[in-house]
Amino acid sequence: MPHHESKNCPRCQADFECKVGSILACQCSSVFLSISERDYVSARYDDCLCVSCLVEMQTEFSILSHDKKISQYLQH
């Protein structure tokens, strides 16, 4: 039987259900994160985030990456 766990998002404090025993049915599987995006999230949080926070963190990473590229471009 798959294991489901009630969790509290460490970023926004929202309650959600983690389906680690059935990961393809888990809410987080709806958000595709690149390896760099996963590293960005895991460097800041040790536990699962709710899907809303995963999307927000993905956007934050994208903005920061874009800003870094612009900065590097302007320095040359």
N, C-alpha and C. Protein backbone atom coordinates (compact mmCIF):
# COMPACT_ATOMS: atom_id res chain seq x y z
N MET A 1 0.84 -1.18 0.00
CA MET A 1 0.00 0.00 0.00
C MET A 1 0.89 1.24 0.00
N PRO A 2 0.62 2.20 -0.93
CA PRO A 2 1.42 3.42 -0.99
C PRO A 2 1.32 4.23 0.29
N HIS A 3 2.43 4.85 0.63
CA HIS A 3 2.50 5.67 1.82
C HIS A 3 2.21 7.12 1.44
N HIS A 4 1.25 7.75 2.12
CA HIS A 4 0.92 9.16 1.93
C HIS A 4 1.15 9.86 3.26
N GLU A 5 1.67 11.06 3.18
CA GLU A 5 2.03 11.78 4.39
C GLU A 5 1.52 13.22 4.31
N SER A 6 0.87 13.67 5.37
CA SER A 6 0.46 15.08 5.46
C SER A 6 1.69 15.89 5.80
N LYS A 7 1.91 16.95 5.02
CA LYS A 7 3.08 17.80 5.22
C LYS A 7 2.66 19.26 5.30
N ASN A 8 3.58 20.04 5.81
CA ASN A 8 3.41 21.48 5.89
C ASN A 8 4.55 22.08 5.08
N CYS A 9 4.23 22.88 4.08
CA CYS A 9 5.25 23.47 3.22
C CYS A 9 6.15 24.39 4.05
N PRO A 10 7.46 24.15 4.03
CA PRO A 10 8.37 24.98 4.82
C PRO A 10 8.49 26.41 4.29
N ARG A 11 8.03 26.65 3.08
CA ARG A 11 8.14 27.99 2.49
C ARG A 11 6.91 28.85 2.77
N CYS A 12 5.71 28.29 2.59
CA CYS A 12 4.48 29.10 2.75
C CYS A 12 3.57 28.61 3.88
N GLN A 13 3.94 27.49 4.48
CA GLN A 13 3.19 26.89 5.59
C GLN A 13 1.87 26.23 5.17
N ALA A 14 1.62 26.07 3.88
CA ALA A 14 0.39 25.41 3.42
C ALA A 14 0.48 23.91 3.70
N ASP A 15 -0.66 23.32 4.02
CA ASP A 15 -0.75 21.87 4.20
C ASP A 15 -0.94 21.21 2.84
N PHE A 16 -0.29 20.07 2.64
CA PHE A 16 -0.47 19.31 1.42
C PHE A 16 -0.16 17.84 1.70
N GLU A 17 -0.56 16.98 0.77
CA GLU A 17 -0.32 15.55 0.94
C GLU A 17 0.83 15.12 0.05
N CYS A 18 1.86 14.58 0.67
CA CYS A 18 3.01 14.04 -0.03
C CYS A 18 2.73 12.56 -0.30
N LYS A 19 2.87 12.15 -1.54
CA LYS A 19 2.61 10.75 -1.90
C LYS A 19 3.90 10.06 -2.29
N VAL A 20 4.84 10.08 -1.37
CA VAL A 20 6.16 9.51 -1.64
C VAL A 20 6.07 8.03 -2.01
N GLY A 21 5.07 7.33 -1.53
CA GLY A 21 4.89 5.92 -1.85
C GLY A 21 4.30 5.70 -3.23
N SER A 22 3.82 6.78 -3.85
CA SER A 22 3.25 6.73 -5.19
C SER A 22 3.62 8.04 -5.88
N ILE A 23 4.91 8.22 -6.10
CA ILE A 23 5.46 9.51 -6.52
C ILE A 23 4.82 10.06 -7.79
N LEU A 24 4.41 9.21 -8.72
CA LEU A 24 3.78 9.71 -9.93
C LEU A 24 2.40 10.30 -9.68
N ALA A 25 1.79 10.00 -8.53
CA ALA A 25 0.50 10.57 -8.16
C ALA A 25 0.67 11.78 -7.24
N CYS A 26 1.90 12.09 -6.88
CA CYS A 26 2.16 13.20 -5.97
C CYS A 26 1.99 14.53 -6.69
N GLN A 27 1.56 15.53 -5.96
CA GLN A 27 1.34 16.86 -6.52
C GLN A 27 2.61 17.43 -7.14
N CYS A 28 3.76 17.09 -6.62
CA CYS A 28 5.02 17.66 -7.14
C CYS A 28 5.37 17.13 -8.52
N SER A 29 4.83 15.98 -8.90
CA SER A 29 5.17 15.42 -10.21
C SER A 29 4.58 16.24 -11.36
N SER A 30 3.70 17.19 -11.05
CA SER A 30 3.12 18.04 -12.10
C SER A 30 4.05 19.20 -12.47
N VAL A 31 5.15 19.38 -11.72
CA VAL A 31 6.10 20.45 -11.98
C VAL A 31 7.42 19.83 -12.42
N PHE A 32 7.82 20.10 -13.66
CA PHE A 32 9.10 19.59 -14.14
C PHE A 32 10.19 20.59 -13.79
N LEU A 33 11.15 20.16 -12.99
CA LEU A 33 12.28 21.01 -12.62
C LEU A 33 13.55 20.46 -13.26
N SER A 34 14.32 21.35 -13.85
CA SER A 34 15.61 20.94 -14.38
C SER A 34 16.53 20.60 -13.20
N ILE A 35 17.67 20.02 -13.49
CA ILE A 35 18.63 19.69 -12.43
C ILE A 35 19.07 20.96 -11.71
N SER A 36 19.32 22.03 -12.45
CA SER A 36 19.72 23.30 -11.85
C SER A 36 18.63 23.87 -10.96
N GLU A 37 17.38 23.76 -11.40
CA GLU A 37 16.26 24.24 -10.60
C GLU A 37 16.11 23.42 -9.32
N ARG A 38 16.26 22.10 -9.44
CA ARG A 38 16.19 21.24 -8.25
C ARG A 38 17.30 21.57 -7.27
N ASP A 39 18.50 21.81 -7.78
CA ASP A 39 19.61 22.20 -6.92
C ASP A 39 19.32 23.51 -6.21
N TYR A 40 18.73 24.45 -6.92
CA TYR A 40 18.37 25.76 -6.35
C TYR A 40 17.39 25.59 -5.19
N VAL A 41 16.36 24.77 -5.41
CA VAL A 41 15.36 24.54 -4.37
C VAL A 41 15.97 23.78 -3.19
N SER A 42 16.70 22.72 -3.47
CA SER A 42 17.24 21.89 -2.39
C SER A 42 18.32 22.60 -1.58
N ALA A 43 18.96 23.62 -2.16
CA ALA A 43 19.94 24.40 -1.41
C ALA A 43 19.27 25.30 -0.38
N ARG A 44 17.97 25.52 -0.56
CA ARG A 44 17.23 26.42 0.33
C ARG A 44 16.27 25.70 1.28
N TYR A 45 15.83 24.51 0.90
CA TYR A 45 14.85 23.77 1.70
C TYR A 45 15.25 22.31 1.79
N ASP A 46 15.07 21.73 2.97
CA ASP A 46 15.43 20.33 3.20
C ASP A 46 14.26 19.38 3.01
N ASP A 47 13.06 19.91 2.83
CA ASP A 47 11.88 19.06 2.74
C ASP A 47 11.06 19.44 1.51
N CYS A 48 10.01 18.68 1.27
CA CYS A 48 9.12 18.92 0.14
C CYS A 48 8.44 20.28 0.26
N LEU A 49 8.20 20.89 -0.91
CA LEU A 49 7.43 22.12 -1.00
C LEU A 49 6.10 21.82 -1.67
N CYS A 50 5.12 22.65 -1.41
CA CYS A 50 3.83 22.50 -2.11
C CYS A 50 4.03 22.87 -3.58
N VAL A 51 3.11 22.49 -4.42
CA VAL A 51 3.24 22.72 -5.85
C VAL A 51 3.30 24.21 -6.17
N SER A 52 2.57 25.03 -5.46
CA SER A 52 2.60 26.48 -5.71
C SER A 52 3.99 27.05 -5.45
N CYS A 53 4.61 26.62 -4.38
CA CYS A 53 5.95 27.10 -4.06
C CYS A 53 6.98 26.56 -5.04
N LEU A 54 6.80 25.34 -5.51
CA LEU A 54 7.72 24.80 -6.51
C LEU A 54 7.69 25.65 -7.78
N VAL A 55 6.49 26.03 -8.21
CA VAL A 55 6.34 26.86 -9.41
C VAL A 55 6.96 28.24 -9.16
N GLU A 56 6.72 28.81 -7.98
CA GLU A 56 7.29 30.12 -7.65
C GLU A 56 8.81 30.07 -7.59
N MET A 57 9.37 29.00 -7.02
CA MET A 57 10.81 28.86 -6.94
C MET A 57 11.40 28.66 -8.34
N GLN A 58 10.70 27.96 -9.20
CA GLN A 58 11.13 27.77 -10.58
C GLN A 58 11.20 29.13 -11.29
N THR A 59 10.19 29.95 -11.09
CA THR A 59 10.15 31.28 -11.68
C THR A 59 11.27 32.15 -11.12
N GLU A 60 11.46 32.09 -9.81
CA GLU A 60 12.52 32.86 -9.15
C GLU A 60 13.89 32.48 -9.72
N PHE A 61 14.13 31.19 -9.88
CA PHE A 61 15.39 30.71 -10.44
C PHE A 61 15.57 31.25 -11.86
N SER A 62 14.52 31.20 -12.64
CA SER A 62 14.57 31.68 -14.02
C SER A 62 14.92 33.16 -14.08
N ILE A 63 14.31 33.95 -13.23
CA ILE A 63 14.57 35.40 -13.19
C ILE A 63 16.02 35.65 -12.77
N LEU A 64 16.47 34.97 -11.73
CA LEU A 64 17.84 35.16 -11.26
C LEU A 64 18.85 34.74 -12.32
N SER A 65 18.58 33.65 -13.01
CA SER A 65 19.47 33.17 -14.07
C SER A 65 19.53 34.16 -15.22
N HIS A 66 18.37 34.69 -15.57
CA HIS A 66 18.29 35.69 -16.64
C HIS A 66 19.06 36.95 -16.25
N ASP A 67 18.85 37.42 -15.03
CA ASP A 67 19.55 38.61 -14.55
C ASP A 67 21.07 38.40 -14.55
N LYS A 68 21.49 37.20 -14.18
CA LYS A 68 22.93 36.89 -14.16
C LYS A 68 23.50 36.92 -15.58
N LYS A 69 22.75 36.36 -16.53
CA LYS A 69 23.21 36.36 -17.92
C LYS A 69 23.30 37.79 -18.46
N ILE A 70 22.32 38.62 -18.15
CA ILE A 70 22.32 40.02 -18.58
C ILE A 70 23.51 40.74 -17.98
N SER A 71 23.76 40.52 -16.71
CA SER A 71 24.88 41.13 -16.01
C SER A 71 26.20 40.74 -16.66
N GLN A 72 26.35 39.48 -16.96
CA GLN A 72 27.58 38.99 -17.58
C GLN A 72 27.75 39.60 -18.98
N TYR A 73 26.66 39.71 -19.69
CA TYR A 73 26.69 40.29 -21.03
C TYR A 73 27.12 41.75 -20.98
N LEU A 74 26.60 42.50 -20.03
CA LEU A 74 26.91 43.92 -19.91
C LEU A 74 28.35 44.18 -19.46
N GLN A 75 28.96 43.21 -18.80
CA GLN A 75 30.33 43.36 -18.35
C GLN A 75 31.33 43.21 -19.49
N HIS A 76 30.90 42.66 -20.61
CA HIS A 76 31.82 42.43 -21.73
C HIS A 76 31.78 43.55 -22.72
